[in-house]
Amino acid sequence: MAVEITTLDNGMTVLTDAMPHLKTATVGIWVDAGARHESLAQNGISHMLEHMAFKGTQRRSALDIAEEIETVGGHLNAHTTHEATAYHARILSEDTPLAIDLLADILQNSTFDPQEIERERGVILSEIGQALDTPDDLVFDHLLEATFPGQALGRPILGTEESVTRFDGAALRGYLAERYHAPGMVLAGAGGVSHAELVELAQERFNALSREKTGGMEAAHFEPGDRRTARDLEQTHLAIAFEGVPYGDPDYYVSQVFSGVMGGGMSSRLFQEIREKRGLCYSVFSFAWSFAETGLLGFYAGASPDDVAELVPVLAGEMTRAMSDITEEEVARARAQIKAGLLMNLESSSSRAEQIARQYMIHGRVPGEEELIAEVEAVDAAALRRFAERLLRRSAPAVAAVGPLGGKGGGLESRDHIAARFTP
């Protein structure tokens, strides 16, 4: 990657990763405004603002926005995370000026028509209802709530029915004015893009943005707890997590490789021991999530209620064994998976734009492909064994579950009993 970087006079940063062989491009705006930047009363407003951005501006109706991008064969979309919101377009390279004009319009001139707000509120409430009806998604919302209780990071990105029902045009305009400032925004482009063209377009279309820096986000503190919802389902959906590492931690890449060894594929420890050898569940995997100042390293499994009592001790056993018997062969497989995923993503302009924007927002720079691969290659079995011990000695786990909580053998144990099984 040869990423070009320019910071405009108003503080907005323009990043480009040119792929000259492509005739298409992805361009987008990444904003440091996500669920973690919201107060309790604002929970879900970042996500609702993302939805409302496409519902009409002073120059365009919602239909105009859709027709203009689709007339040239392009796609316009957006997504919200805990730490950022992104608005992005995929277009033919020649239509980059149109895409930038649309993005600038929806982010600066949205009208927040009351009728559109009510319609989109119904859509978001349906989205919340769908999430509540999807136990293998809901369990992760429960996990964050159990891990960061009473904190912004522990609240759902979608918000709640109560909070979403309160939002009106004034609230949306207020949050936009509060968080959408040029110094906290990145314009990223990848594919058939010209850095000079994007800089010029950004200077023209985003010059009126506030130049003030926005405030930070609420600090997060790992406080492992327990969050369970009993439901009459076929499976118990279980998530267990330890305190992981933030983006800037020296063990960041170690955590990614460790997650791969434990539950990153069909050859991983958990898949082989829990599914293949014992047949205790259909789905089991591990995950390593990092945030600005904290992180989670955890495991998910969906199992019959009658198998949960056996599953948890096996899971704990694999975790504690990792302190002593992870092999270089396992590490090599996990490293290969991560490297392949990284290189495959580099073949997509959308993935490249997302990656350079996120890297810049996290680190203030964009590490090159060689640097990232070198970081992964430097991880060995000794580092993973040390990391496993760090996890187990650092904190007790948080536990979340959705589904039947009883079953043969007593069902799902208390958190204290589960924590004791992970004691090194």
Protein backbone atom coordinates (compact mmCIF):
# COMPACT_ATOMS: atom_id res chain seq x y z
CA MET A 1 0.00 0.00 0.00
CA ALA A 2 1.18 3.50 -0.86
CA VAL A 3 -1.24 5.62 1.14
CA GLU A 4 -1.23 9.37 0.56
CA ILE A 5 -2.30 11.61 3.45
CA THR A 6 -3.29 15.28 3.49
CA THR A 7 -4.75 17.23 6.40
CA LEU A 8 -6.89 20.15 5.28
CA ASP A 9 -6.83 23.57 6.92
CA ASN A 10 -10.07 22.78 8.77
CA GLY A 11 -8.59 19.61 10.28
CA MET A 12 -10.23 16.97 8.08
CA THR A 13 -7.84 14.28 6.86
CA VAL A 14 -7.91 12.90 3.30
CA LEU A 15 -6.45 9.43 2.73
CA THR A 16 -6.11 7.58 -0.57
CA ASP A 17 -4.89 4.12 -1.46
CA ALA A 18 -4.72 4.05 -5.24
CA MET A 19 -5.29 0.80 -7.16
CA PRO A 20 -4.59 2.05 -10.71
CA HIS A 21 -5.75 -1.15 -12.39
CA LEU A 22 -9.32 -0.63 -11.13
CA LYS A 23 -12.00 1.37 -12.91
CA THR A 24 -14.08 1.54 -9.74
CA ALA A 25 -13.53 3.28 -6.43
CA THR A 26 -14.77 3.37 -2.86
CA VAL A 27 -14.92 6.72 -1.11
CA GLY A 28 -16.31 7.45 2.33
CA ILE A 29 -16.37 9.61 5.42
CA TRP A 30 -15.44 8.07 8.77
CA VAL A 31 -16.48 10.09 11.84
CA ASP A 32 -15.32 9.62 15.43
CA ALA A 33 -18.93 9.47 16.59
CA GLY A 34 -20.22 6.11 17.73
CA ALA A 35 -22.16 4.53 20.57
CA ARG A 36 -19.31 5.21 23.01
CA HIS A 37 -19.64 8.97 22.45
CA GLU A 38 -23.28 9.02 23.51
CA SER A 39 -24.73 9.89 26.90
CA LEU A 40 -27.28 7.49 28.39
CA ALA A 41 -30.11 9.67 27.07
CA GLN A 42 -28.50 9.64 23.60
CA ASN A 43 -28.07 5.86 23.38
CA GLY A 44 -28.68 4.90 19.76
CA ILE A 45 -28.58 8.41 18.30
CA SER A 46 -25.38 7.78 16.27
CA HIS A 47 -27.14 4.90 14.56
CA MET A 48 -30.36 6.85 14.01
CA LEU A 49 -28.40 9.77 12.54
CA GLU A 50 -26.76 7.34 10.14
CA HIS A 51 -30.22 6.21 8.99
CA MET A 52 -31.60 9.74 8.71
CA ALA A 53 -28.69 10.95 6.58
CA PHE A 54 -30.30 9.31 3.55
CA LYS A 55 -33.80 10.71 4.14
CA GLY A 56 -33.52 14.09 2.44
CA THR A 57 -31.46 17.27 2.36
CA GLN A 58 -32.13 20.87 1.45
CA ARG A 59 -31.23 19.99 -2.16
CA ARG A 60 -32.37 16.40 -2.51
CA SER A 61 -35.30 14.23 -1.42
CA ALA A 62 -34.69 10.68 -0.19
CA LEU A 63 -35.72 9.47 -3.65
CA ASP A 64 -33.32 11.91 -5.32
CA ILE A 65 -30.42 10.54 -3.26
CA ALA A 66 -31.25 6.96 -4.19
CA GLU A 67 -31.82 7.73 -7.87
CA GLU A 68 -28.67 9.82 -8.35
CA ILE A 69 -26.31 7.16 -7.03
CA GLU A 70 -28.12 4.28 -8.75
CA THR A 71 -28.38 6.09 -12.08
CA VAL A 72 -24.59 5.76 -12.35
CA GLY A 73 -24.63 2.17 -11.06
CA GLY A 74 -23.24 3.10 -7.65
CA HIS A 75 -24.08 2.07 -4.10
CA LEU A 76 -24.38 4.30 -1.04
CA ASN A 77 -24.39 2.85 2.45
CA ALA A 78 -23.39 3.48 6.07
CA HIS A 79 -22.68 1.67 9.33
CA THR A 80 -22.21 2.50 13.00
CA THR A 81 -19.84 0.92 15.51
CA HIS A 82 -19.06 1.68 19.13
CA GLU A 83 -16.31 4.11 18.18
CA ALA A 84 -17.16 5.46 14.73
CA THR A 85 -19.79 5.99 12.05
CA ALA A 86 -19.01 5.55 8.36
CA TYR A 87 -20.79 6.73 5.21
CA HIS A 88 -19.40 5.26 1.99
CA ALA A 89 -20.06 4.92 -1.71
CA ARG A 90 -18.90 2.45 -4.36
CA ILE A 91 -18.85 3.96 -7.82
CA LEU A 92 -17.11 4.00 -11.16
CA SER A 93 -13.98 6.12 -10.82
CA GLU A 94 -15.39 8.80 -13.14
CA ASP A 95 -18.32 9.30 -10.76
CA THR A 96 -16.19 10.13 -7.73
CA PRO A 97 -17.23 13.84 -7.77
CA LEU A 98 -20.90 12.84 -7.58
CA ALA A 99 -20.24 10.49 -4.67
CA ILE A 100 -18.36 13.19 -2.73
CA ASP A 101 -21.12 15.71 -3.43
CA LEU A 102 -23.75 13.28 -2.12
CA LEU A 103 -21.73 12.49 1.00
CA ALA A 104 -21.12 16.17 1.70
CA ASP A 105 -24.80 16.96 1.21
CA ILE A 106 -26.20 14.27 3.50
CA LEU A 107 -23.71 15.06 6.26
CA GLN A 108 -24.18 18.84 6.23
CA ASN A 109 -27.64 19.61 4.84
CA SER A 110 -30.02 16.92 6.10
CA THR A 111 -33.45 18.38 6.90
CA PHE A 112 -34.64 15.73 9.40
CA ASP A 113 -38.22 16.05 8.22
CA PRO A 114 -40.59 14.99 11.05
CA GLN A 115 -42.50 12.56 8.82
CA GLU A 116 -39.26 10.92 7.69
CA ILE A 117 -38.11 10.69 11.32
CA GLU A 118 -41.30 8.85 12.27
CA ARG A 119 -40.99 6.46 9.35
CA GLU A 120 -37.34 5.71 10.06
CA ARG A 121 -38.03 5.38 13.78
CA GLY A 122 -40.37 2.52 12.91
CA VAL A 123 -37.64 0.91 10.80
CA ILE A 124 -35.11 1.15 13.66
CA LEU A 125 -37.60 -0.20 16.20
CA SER A 126 -38.12 -3.17 13.87
CA GLU A 127 -34.33 -3.57 13.68
CA ILE A 128 -34.16 -3.60 17.49
CA GLY A 129 -36.96 -6.15 17.60
CA GLN A 130 -35.12 -8.33 15.10
CA ALA A 131 -31.97 -8.17 17.24
CA LEU A 132 -33.96 -9.19 20.31
CA ASP A 133 -35.34 -12.13 18.32
CA THR A 134 -31.84 -13.27 17.27
CA PRO A 135 -30.30 -14.96 20.32
CA ASP A 136 -26.86 -15.54 18.83
CA ASP A 137 -26.62 -11.74 18.29
CA LEU A 138 -28.39 -10.73 21.50
CA VAL A 139 -25.96 -12.71 23.64
CA PHE A 140 -23.13 -10.38 22.56
CA ASP A 141 -25.12 -7.30 23.59
CA HIS A 142 -25.63 -9.07 26.93
CA LEU A 143 -21.90 -9.79 27.12
CA LEU A 144 -20.95 -6.14 26.68
CA GLU A 145 -23.55 -5.15 29.27
CA ALA A 146 -22.13 -7.74 31.68
CA THR A 147 -18.59 -6.62 30.99
CA PHE A 148 -19.05 -2.86 31.05
CA PRO A 149 -22.13 -2.32 33.26
CA GLY A 150 -23.51 1.19 33.37
CA GLN A 151 -20.95 2.34 30.79
CA ALA A 152 -21.35 3.63 27.23
CA LEU A 153 -19.40 0.66 25.84
CA GLY A 154 -21.87 -1.68 27.51
CA ARG A 155 -24.92 -0.17 25.80
CA PRO A 156 -26.31 -1.44 22.45
CA ILE A 157 -25.36 0.42 19.28
CA LEU A 158 -29.01 0.38 18.14
CA GLY A 159 -30.21 1.97 21.37
CA THR A 160 -33.38 0.86 23.10
CA GLU A 161 -37.06 1.25 22.26
CA GLU A 162 -37.28 3.90 24.98
CA SER A 163 -34.31 5.97 23.79
CA VAL A 164 -35.10 5.76 20.08
CA THR A 165 -38.69 6.84 20.71
CA ARG A 166 -37.42 10.11 22.25
CA PHE A 167 -35.23 11.31 19.36
CA ASP A 168 -36.54 14.19 17.27
CA GLY A 169 -35.09 16.63 14.75
CA ALA A 170 -33.67 18.90 17.44
CA ALA A 171 -31.85 16.01 19.09
CA LEU A 172 -30.39 14.86 15.76
CA ARG A 173 -29.28 18.36 14.78
CA GLY A 174 -27.77 18.86 18.23
CA TYR A 175 -25.75 15.64 18.05
CA LEU A 176 -24.61 16.45 14.52
CA ALA A 177 -23.39 19.87 15.66
CA GLU A 178 -21.75 18.33 18.73
CA ARG A 179 -19.83 15.49 17.07
CA TYR A 180 -19.47 16.06 13.31
CA HIS A 181 -16.45 18.39 13.25
CA ALA A 182 -13.71 18.35 10.60
CA PRO A 183 -10.81 17.33 12.93
CA GLY A 184 -12.69 14.15 13.82
CA MET A 185 -13.51 13.17 10.24
CA VAL A 186 -11.54 11.20 7.66
CA LEU A 187 -12.27 11.10 3.94
CA ALA A 188 -10.83 7.85 2.63
CA GLY A 189 -10.71 6.60 -0.93
CA ALA A 190 -9.37 3.42 -2.50
CA GLY A 191 -9.33 1.92 -5.95
CA GLY A 192 -9.30 4.09 -9.05
CA VAL A 193 -8.91 7.34 -7.14
CA SER A 194 -6.76 10.45 -7.48
CA HIS A 195 -5.46 11.91 -4.24
CA ALA A 196 -5.25 15.40 -5.69
CA GLU A 197 -8.86 15.17 -6.90
CA LEU A 198 -10.15 14.01 -3.51
CA VAL A 199 -8.26 16.78 -1.71
CA GLU A 200 -9.72 19.37 -4.06
CA LEU A 201 -13.25 17.98 -3.70
CA ALA A 202 -12.94 17.83 0.08
CA GLN A 203 -11.77 21.45 0.25
CA GLU A 204 -14.75 22.51 -1.85
CA ARG A 205 -17.47 20.40 -0.22
CA PHE A 206 -16.45 20.25 3.45
CA ASN A 207 -14.88 23.65 4.03
CA ALA A 208 -17.84 24.87 6.12
CA LEU A 209 -17.46 22.18 8.78
CA SER A 210 -16.56 23.25 12.31
CA ARG A 211 -12.81 23.35 12.93
CA GLU A 212 -13.17 22.73 16.67
CA LYS A 213 -11.98 19.43 18.09
CA THR A 214 -14.72 17.34 19.65
CA GLY A 215 -14.58 15.90 23.14
CA GLY A 216 -13.49 12.35 23.85
CA MET A 217 -15.56 9.36 24.83
CA GLU A 218 -16.41 7.90 28.21
CA ALA A 219 -13.64 5.72 29.58
CA ALA A 220 -14.41 2.01 29.84
CA HIS A 221 -13.51 -0.23 32.78
CA PHE A 222 -13.70 -4.02 32.64
CA GLU A 223 -16.05 -5.16 35.42
CA PRO A 224 -16.90 -8.81 34.75
CA GLY A 225 -20.47 -9.70 35.63
CA ASP A 226 -23.26 -12.01 34.59
CA ARG A 227 -26.22 -11.34 32.25
CA ARG A 228 -28.66 -14.14 31.45
CA THR A 229 -32.03 -14.25 29.74
CA ALA A 230 -34.06 -17.45 30.13
CA ARG A 231 -35.93 -18.30 26.93
CA ASP A 232 -37.69 -21.34 25.59
CA LEU A 233 -35.28 -22.10 22.75
CA GLU A 234 -33.70 -25.19 21.30
CA GLN A 235 -30.21 -23.98 22.23
CA THR A 236 -28.44 -22.13 24.99
CA HIS A 237 -26.33 -19.36 23.50
CA LEU A 238 -23.31 -18.78 25.72
CA ALA A 239 -20.56 -16.15 25.61
CA ILE A 240 -17.64 -15.96 28.07
CA ALA A 241 -15.01 -13.22 27.90
CA PHE A 242 -11.86 -12.08 29.68
CA GLU A 243 -10.31 -8.64 29.67
CA GLY A 244 -8.41 -8.37 26.41
CA VAL A 245 -6.14 -5.66 25.07
CA PRO A 246 -6.63 -2.24 23.42
CA TYR A 247 -5.42 -1.42 19.92
CA GLY A 248 -2.10 0.00 21.07
CA ASP A 249 -1.16 -2.83 23.43
CA PRO A 250 2.09 -4.72 22.61
CA ASP A 251 0.02 -7.92 22.72
CA TYR A 252 -2.55 -6.78 20.15
CA TYR A 253 -1.31 -9.13 17.43
CA VAL A 254 -0.68 -11.85 20.00
CA SER A 255 -4.36 -11.65 20.95
CA GLN A 256 -5.43 -12.04 17.32
CA VAL A 257 -3.24 -15.10 16.79
CA PHE A 258 -4.31 -16.55 20.15
CA SER A 259 -7.96 -16.23 19.16
CA GLY A 260 -7.16 -18.01 15.89
CA VAL A 261 -5.50 -20.92 17.68
CA MET A 262 -8.32 -21.31 20.16
CA GLY A 263 -11.35 -20.94 17.91
CA GLY A 264 -10.53 -19.41 14.55
CA GLY A 265 -11.36 -22.25 12.20
CA MET A 266 -12.11 -25.94 11.75
CA SER A 267 -8.61 -26.93 12.88
CA SER A 268 -8.78 -24.79 16.03
CA ARG A 269 -8.70 -26.29 19.50
CA LEU A 270 -12.27 -25.51 20.44
CA PHE A 271 -13.77 -26.70 17.15
CA GLN A 272 -11.85 -29.96 17.25
CA GLU A 273 -12.38 -30.75 20.93
CA ILE A 274 -15.91 -29.45 21.52
CA ARG A 275 -17.59 -30.09 18.19
CA GLU A 276 -15.63 -32.77 16.35
CA LYS A 277 -14.55 -35.04 19.21
CA ARG A 278 -17.41 -34.55 21.66
CA GLY A 279 -20.30 -33.32 19.48
CA LEU A 280 -21.40 -30.85 22.14
CA CYS A 281 -22.43 -28.05 19.78
CA TYR A 282 -22.77 -26.98 16.17
CA SER A 283 -21.18 -23.53 16.48
CA VAL A 284 -18.18 -22.61 18.62
CA PHE A 285 -15.59 -19.89 18.06
CA SER A 286 -13.36 -17.36 19.79
CA PHE A 287 -13.07 -13.62 19.26
CA ALA A 288 -10.59 -10.85 20.08
CA TRP A 289 -12.15 -7.40 20.20
CA SER A 290 -10.06 -4.31 20.81
CA PHE A 291 -11.19 -0.80 21.67
CA ALA A 292 -9.34 2.43 22.41
CA GLU A 293 -8.31 1.57 25.98
CA THR A 294 -9.57 -1.96 26.63
CA GLY A 295 -10.62 -5.15 24.88
CA LEU A 296 -12.25 -8.56 25.16
CA LEU A 297 -10.96 -12.05 24.46
CA GLY A 298 -13.84 -14.44 24.50
CA PHE A 299 -15.64 -17.54 23.34
CA TYR A 300 -19.11 -18.30 21.98
CA ALA A 301 -20.94 -21.59 21.78
CA GLY A 302 -24.51 -22.52 20.96
CA ALA A 303 -25.39 -25.86 22.52
CA SER A 304 -28.27 -28.01 23.68
CA PRO A 305 -29.22 -27.15 27.29
CA ASP A 306 -28.36 -30.73 28.22
CA ASP A 307 -24.79 -30.31 26.94
CA VAL A 308 -23.93 -26.96 28.54
CA ALA A 309 -22.90 -28.52 31.86
CA GLU A 310 -20.27 -30.59 30.02
CA LEU A 311 -19.28 -27.90 27.53
CA VAL A 312 -18.12 -25.27 30.03
CA PRO A 313 -15.55 -27.50 31.79
CA VAL A 314 -14.15 -28.57 28.42
CA LEU A 315 -13.87 -24.95 27.33
CA ALA A 316 -12.14 -24.01 30.57
CA GLY A 317 -9.80 -26.96 30.24
CA GLU A 318 -8.72 -25.93 26.76
CA MET A 319 -8.10 -22.40 27.96
CA THR A 320 -5.99 -23.41 30.95
CA ARG A 321 -4.05 -25.96 28.88
CA ALA A 322 -3.14 -23.14 26.49
CA MET A 323 -0.75 -21.80 29.13
CA SER A 324 1.51 -24.80 28.68
CA ASP A 325 0.99 -26.73 25.45
CA ILE A 326 0.34 -24.45 22.49
CA THR A 327 2.59 -25.64 19.66
CA GLU A 328 4.43 -23.80 16.90
CA GLU A 329 2.39 -25.76 14.33
CA GLU A 330 -0.86 -24.34 15.72
CA VAL A 331 0.58 -20.85 15.72
CA ALA A 332 1.77 -21.18 12.12
CA ARG A 333 -1.76 -22.13 10.98
CA ALA A 334 -3.32 -19.19 12.82
CA ARG A 335 -0.72 -16.77 11.44
CA ALA A 336 -1.39 -18.06 7.92
CA GLN A 337 -5.14 -17.49 8.34
CA ILE A 338 -4.63 -13.91 9.51
CA LYS A 339 -2.14 -13.10 6.75
CA ALA A 340 -4.39 -14.58 4.08
CA GLY A 341 -7.36 -12.60 5.37
CA LEU A 342 -5.31 -9.42 5.37
CA LEU A 343 -4.04 -9.92 1.82
CA MET A 344 -7.45 -10.94 0.49
CA ASN A 345 -8.97 -7.79 1.94
CA LEU A 346 -6.36 -5.72 0.13
CA GLU A 347 -7.85 -6.89 -3.16
CA SER A 348 -11.10 -5.03 -2.41
CA SER A 349 -11.33 -1.24 -2.65
CA SER A 350 -14.07 -1.20 0.00
CA SER A 351 -11.94 -3.17 2.45
CA ARG A 352 -8.92 -0.98 1.73
CA ALA A 353 -10.83 2.24 2.31
CA GLU A 354 -12.24 0.86 5.57
CA GLN A 355 -8.83 -0.34 6.72
CA ILE A 356 -6.89 2.86 6.05
CA ALA A 357 -9.60 5.00 7.65
CA ARG A 358 -9.75 2.86 10.78
CA GLN A 359 -5.97 2.59 11.08
CA TYR A 360 -5.58 6.34 10.82
CA MET A 361 -8.33 7.03 13.35
CA ILE A 362 -6.81 4.55 15.81
CA HIS A 363 -3.09 5.19 15.35
CA GLY A 364 -2.84 8.55 13.61
CA ARG A 365 -1.01 6.83 10.76
CA VAL A 366 -1.50 3.94 8.31
CA PRO A 367 0.88 1.00 8.82
CA GLY A 368 2.02 -0.61 5.59
CA GLU A 369 1.23 -4.14 4.53
CA GLU A 370 4.79 -5.29 5.28
CA GLU A 371 4.63 -3.89 8.80
CA LEU A 372 1.34 -5.63 9.55
CA ILE A 373 2.58 -8.97 8.26
CA ALA A 374 5.82 -8.61 10.22
CA GLU A 375 3.82 -8.04 13.41
CA VAL A 376 1.85 -11.22 12.80
CA GLU A 377 4.96 -13.23 11.88
CA ALA A 378 6.68 -12.18 15.11
CA VAL A 379 4.10 -14.02 17.24
CA ASP A 380 5.29 -17.44 18.43
CA ALA A 381 4.03 -20.18 20.74
CA ALA A 382 5.86 -18.77 23.76
CA ALA A 383 4.06 -15.45 23.31
CA LEU A 384 0.69 -17.21 23.17
CA ARG A 385 1.39 -19.28 26.28
CA ARG A 386 2.36 -16.12 28.12
CA PHE A 387 -0.75 -14.35 26.85
CA ALA A 388 -3.02 -17.17 28.03
CA GLU A 389 -1.55 -16.83 31.51
CA ARG A 390 -1.96 -13.06 31.36
CA LEU A 391 -5.65 -13.46 30.56
CA LEU A 392 -6.38 -16.00 33.27
CA ARG A 393 -4.47 -14.22 36.01
CA ARG A 394 -5.67 -10.74 35.10
CA SER A 395 -9.40 -11.08 35.74
CA ALA A 396 -12.36 -13.37 36.21
CA PRO A 397 -14.53 -13.85 33.11
CA ALA A 398 -17.81 -12.17 32.27
CA VAL A 399 -20.67 -14.52 31.34
CA ALA A 400 -23.73 -13.98 29.14
CA ALA A 401 -26.38 -16.46 28.09
CA VAL A 402 -29.68 -16.52 26.20
CA GLY A 403 -31.90 -19.59 26.11
CA PRO A 404 -32.72 -22.43 28.51
CA LEU A 405 -30.53 -22.12 31.60
CA GLY A 406 -31.32 -25.54 33.07
CA GLY A 407 -30.69 -29.01 31.68
CA LYS A 408 -29.13 -32.36 32.45
CA GLY A 409 -26.26 -32.09 34.85
CA GLY A 410 -27.61 -28.85 36.27
CA GLY A 411 -27.44 -26.69 33.15
CA LEU A 412 -25.40 -23.50 33.16
CA GLU A 413 -23.44 -23.00 36.36
CA SER A 414 -23.22 -19.77 38.32
CA ARG A 415 -20.59 -17.26 37.23
CA ASP A 416 -18.56 -17.97 40.36
CA HIS A 417 -18.42 -21.67 39.51
CA ILE A 418 -17.53 -20.89 35.90
CA ALA A 419 -14.82 -18.47 37.00
CA ALA A 420 -13.35 -21.09 39.31
CA ARG A 421 -12.96 -23.49 36.39
CA PHE A 422 -10.72 -20.94 34.64
CA THR A 423 -8.49 -20.41 37.65
CA PRO A 424 -4.92 -21.28 36.62
